[in-house]
Amino acid sequence: MTRSAVACVLASLALSANVALAAAEQFGGPEEARAMLDRAVAALKTDKTAALKQFNDKNSKQFHDKDLYVFCFNVADGNFTAYQSPAMLGVDVRELKMQEDPIGQRAFDLVHDTPEGEVRTMEYNFPKAGAKKMVPKESIETRVGDQGCGVTYFK
């Protein structure tokens, strides 16, 4: 192999490794999701109104990092009070379905009657941004007063 061919192969391998590393860095993991949920619980306990405002602020790095974000819904009526997309605010979580999976109803049921502060998990399949293939995802959720809140991450 000529030097230029070897250089091309090495450059290609380096680029592939950088793309793979960048892709891995855009997704949060279980530890980061749990830390974000813990921050959200503390914020809700301090000042619910201010906390929900922060959860809905995409510039709040405490509650929006990589693909992780805090979502909350009122446990009485199921309506979203915090979500990544403002279009979802006021929508009943129980209406969310992914293919035949009623993930919204399952998320609601997961925390509705759960003792406050107890953390529960729920697995489901969801496509990553820009992809069609369904991959495993996990939601970690808890109840704080009248709010059911969680953070999801790809497994």
Protein backbone atom coordinates (compact mmCIF):
# COMPACT_ATOMS: atom_id res chain seq x y z
CA MET A 1 0.00 0.00 0.00
CA THR A 2 1.31 3.44 -0.84
CA ARG A 3 1.85 6.09 1.79
CA SER A 4 -1.05 8.13 0.48
CA ALA A 5 -3.36 5.10 0.61
CA VAL A 6 -2.28 4.37 4.19
CA ALA A 7 -2.82 8.03 5.08
CA CYS A 8 -6.33 7.90 3.58
CA VAL A 9 -7.19 4.74 5.50
CA LEU A 10 -5.88 6.22 8.77
CA ALA A 11 -7.74 9.49 8.18
CA SER A 12 -10.92 7.57 7.44
CA LEU A 13 -10.56 5.50 10.62
CA ALA A 14 -9.90 8.62 12.69
CA LEU A 15 -12.95 10.34 11.22
CA SER A 16 -15.12 7.29 11.89
CA ALA A 17 -13.94 7.15 15.49
CA ASN A 18 -14.66 10.87 15.96
CA VAL A 19 -18.16 10.52 14.49
CA ALA A 20 -18.89 7.54 16.77
CA LEU A 21 -17.58 9.44 19.79
CA ALA A 22 -19.63 12.53 18.92
CA ALA A 23 -22.75 10.39 18.51
CA ALA A 24 -22.20 8.76 21.90
CA GLU A 25 -21.73 12.17 23.54
CA GLN A 26 -25.10 13.45 22.33
CA PHE A 27 -26.99 10.91 24.45
CA GLY A 28 -27.20 10.93 28.22
CA GLY A 29 -27.04 7.78 30.31
CA PRO A 30 -28.79 6.46 33.40
CA GLU A 31 -26.52 8.23 35.90
CA GLU A 32 -26.99 11.59 34.19
CA ALA A 33 -30.75 11.05 33.95
CA ARG A 34 -31.01 10.19 37.65
CA ALA A 35 -28.90 13.21 38.62
CA MET A 36 -31.18 15.44 36.53
CA LEU A 37 -34.28 13.93 38.15
CA ASP A 38 -32.79 14.50 41.60
CA ARG A 39 -32.11 18.18 40.71
CA ALA A 40 -35.70 18.49 39.45
CA VAL A 41 -37.12 17.06 42.68
CA ALA A 42 -35.05 19.48 44.77
CA ALA A 43 -36.16 22.42 42.58
CA LEU A 44 -39.84 21.42 42.83
CA LYS A 45 -39.62 21.16 46.60
CA THR A 46 -38.04 24.62 46.80
CA ASP A 47 -40.36 26.52 44.41
CA LYS A 48 -42.73 24.61 42.12
CA THR A 49 -43.59 27.58 39.88
CA ALA A 50 -39.96 28.55 39.32
CA ALA A 51 -38.96 24.90 38.83
CA LEU A 52 -41.57 24.27 36.12
CA LYS A 53 -40.47 27.46 34.38
CA GLN A 54 -36.85 26.22 34.41
CA PHE A 55 -37.87 22.76 33.17
CA ASN A 56 -39.56 24.40 30.17
CA ASP A 57 -36.58 26.68 29.41
CA LYS A 58 -34.45 24.95 26.75
CA ASN A 59 -31.50 27.15 27.79
CA SER A 60 -31.51 25.72 31.32
CA LYS A 61 -28.55 23.32 31.20
CA GLN A 62 -29.53 21.87 34.58
CA PHE A 63 -32.70 20.45 33.06
CA HIS A 64 -31.79 20.14 29.36
CA ASP A 65 -28.54 18.33 28.55
CA LYS A 66 -27.76 16.28 25.46
CA ASP A 67 -31.01 14.37 24.77
CA LEU A 68 -32.09 14.50 28.43
CA TYR A 69 -34.83 16.79 29.72
CA VAL A 70 -37.31 16.87 32.59
CA PHE A 71 -40.98 16.28 31.89
CA CYS A 72 -43.79 16.71 34.40
CA PHE A 73 -47.54 16.25 34.43
CA ASN A 74 -50.24 16.93 36.96
CA VAL A 75 -51.14 13.63 38.64
CA ALA A 76 -54.79 14.70 39.01
CA ASP A 77 -55.60 15.43 35.35
CA GLY A 78 -52.54 14.08 33.50
CA ASN A 79 -51.81 17.38 31.73
CA PHE A 80 -48.18 18.16 30.95
CA THR A 81 -46.76 21.04 32.98
CA ALA A 82 -43.22 20.63 31.64
CA TYR A 83 -41.95 19.10 28.43
CA GLN A 84 -39.20 19.55 25.86
CA SER A 85 -41.71 20.93 23.36
CA PRO A 86 -44.01 23.78 24.45
CA ALA A 87 -46.66 22.36 22.12
CA MET A 88 -47.15 19.49 24.59
CA LEU A 89 -47.97 21.71 27.58
CA GLY A 90 -51.55 21.08 28.65
CA VAL A 91 -51.79 17.83 26.65
CA ASP A 92 -52.85 14.78 28.66
CA VAL A 93 -49.88 12.42 29.03
CA ARG A 94 -52.28 9.48 28.79
CA GLU A 95 -52.90 10.31 25.11
CA LEU A 96 -49.30 9.49 24.11
CA LYS A 97 -48.87 6.24 22.20
CA MET A 98 -45.92 4.84 20.30
CA GLN A 99 -47.23 2.37 17.76
CA GLU A 100 -49.44 0.10 19.86
CA ASP A 101 -47.75 0.93 23.19
CA PRO A 102 -49.77 3.33 25.40
CA ILE A 103 -46.59 4.81 26.90
CA GLY A 104 -48.40 7.88 28.22
CA GLN A 105 -50.95 5.85 30.14
CA ARG A 106 -48.17 3.65 31.49
CA ALA A 107 -46.16 6.74 32.58
CA PHE A 108 -49.25 8.15 34.31
CA ASP A 109 -50.05 4.86 36.04
CA LEU A 110 -46.43 4.46 37.12
CA VAL A 111 -46.51 7.46 39.47
CA HIS A 112 -50.19 8.25 40.04
CA ASP A 113 -50.53 6.20 43.23
CA THR A 114 -46.82 5.94 44.01
CA PRO A 115 -45.75 7.31 47.40
CA GLU A 116 -44.09 10.69 47.03
CA GLY A 117 -40.33 10.42 46.50
CA GLU A 118 -40.35 6.78 45.40
CA VAL A 119 -38.58 6.40 42.04
CA ARG A 120 -39.96 3.99 39.47
CA THR A 121 -38.75 2.95 36.02
CA MET A 122 -40.52 2.07 32.82
CA GLU A 123 -39.02 0.57 29.65
CA TYR A 124 -40.35 1.15 26.16
CA ASN A 125 -39.14 1.44 22.58
CA PHE A 126 -38.69 4.78 20.84
CA PRO A 127 -36.74 5.96 17.77
CA LYS A 128 -33.67 8.16 18.20
CA ALA A 129 -33.84 11.57 16.54
CA GLY A 130 -33.67 11.25 12.77
CA ALA A 131 -34.06 7.47 12.85
CA LYS A 132 -37.00 5.15 12.25
CA LYS A 133 -35.70 2.08 14.04
CA MET A 134 -37.18 1.59 17.50
CA VAL A 135 -34.60 1.17 20.27
CA PRO A 136 -34.91 0.56 24.03
CA LYS A 137 -35.47 3.60 26.20
CA GLU A 138 -36.10 3.91 29.93
CA SER A 139 -38.06 6.49 31.88
CA ILE A 140 -37.24 7.15 35.53
CA GLU A 141 -40.12 8.86 37.32
CA THR A 142 -41.23 10.05 40.71
CA ARG A 143 -44.02 12.03 42.30
CA VAL A 144 -43.49 15.37 44.02
CA GLY A 145 -46.72 16.80 45.42
CA ASP A 146 -49.19 17.05 42.55
CA GLN A 147 -46.49 16.53 39.90
CA GLY A 148 -45.36 13.31 38.27
CA CYS A 149 -41.92 14.02 36.82
CA GLY A 150 -39.32 12.03 34.96
CA VAL A 151 -36.32 11.91 32.69
CA THR A 152 -35.85 9.40 29.88
CA TYR A 153 -32.69 8.01 28.31
CA PHE A 154 -31.78 5.54 25.60
CA LYS A 155 -30.43 2.26 26.91
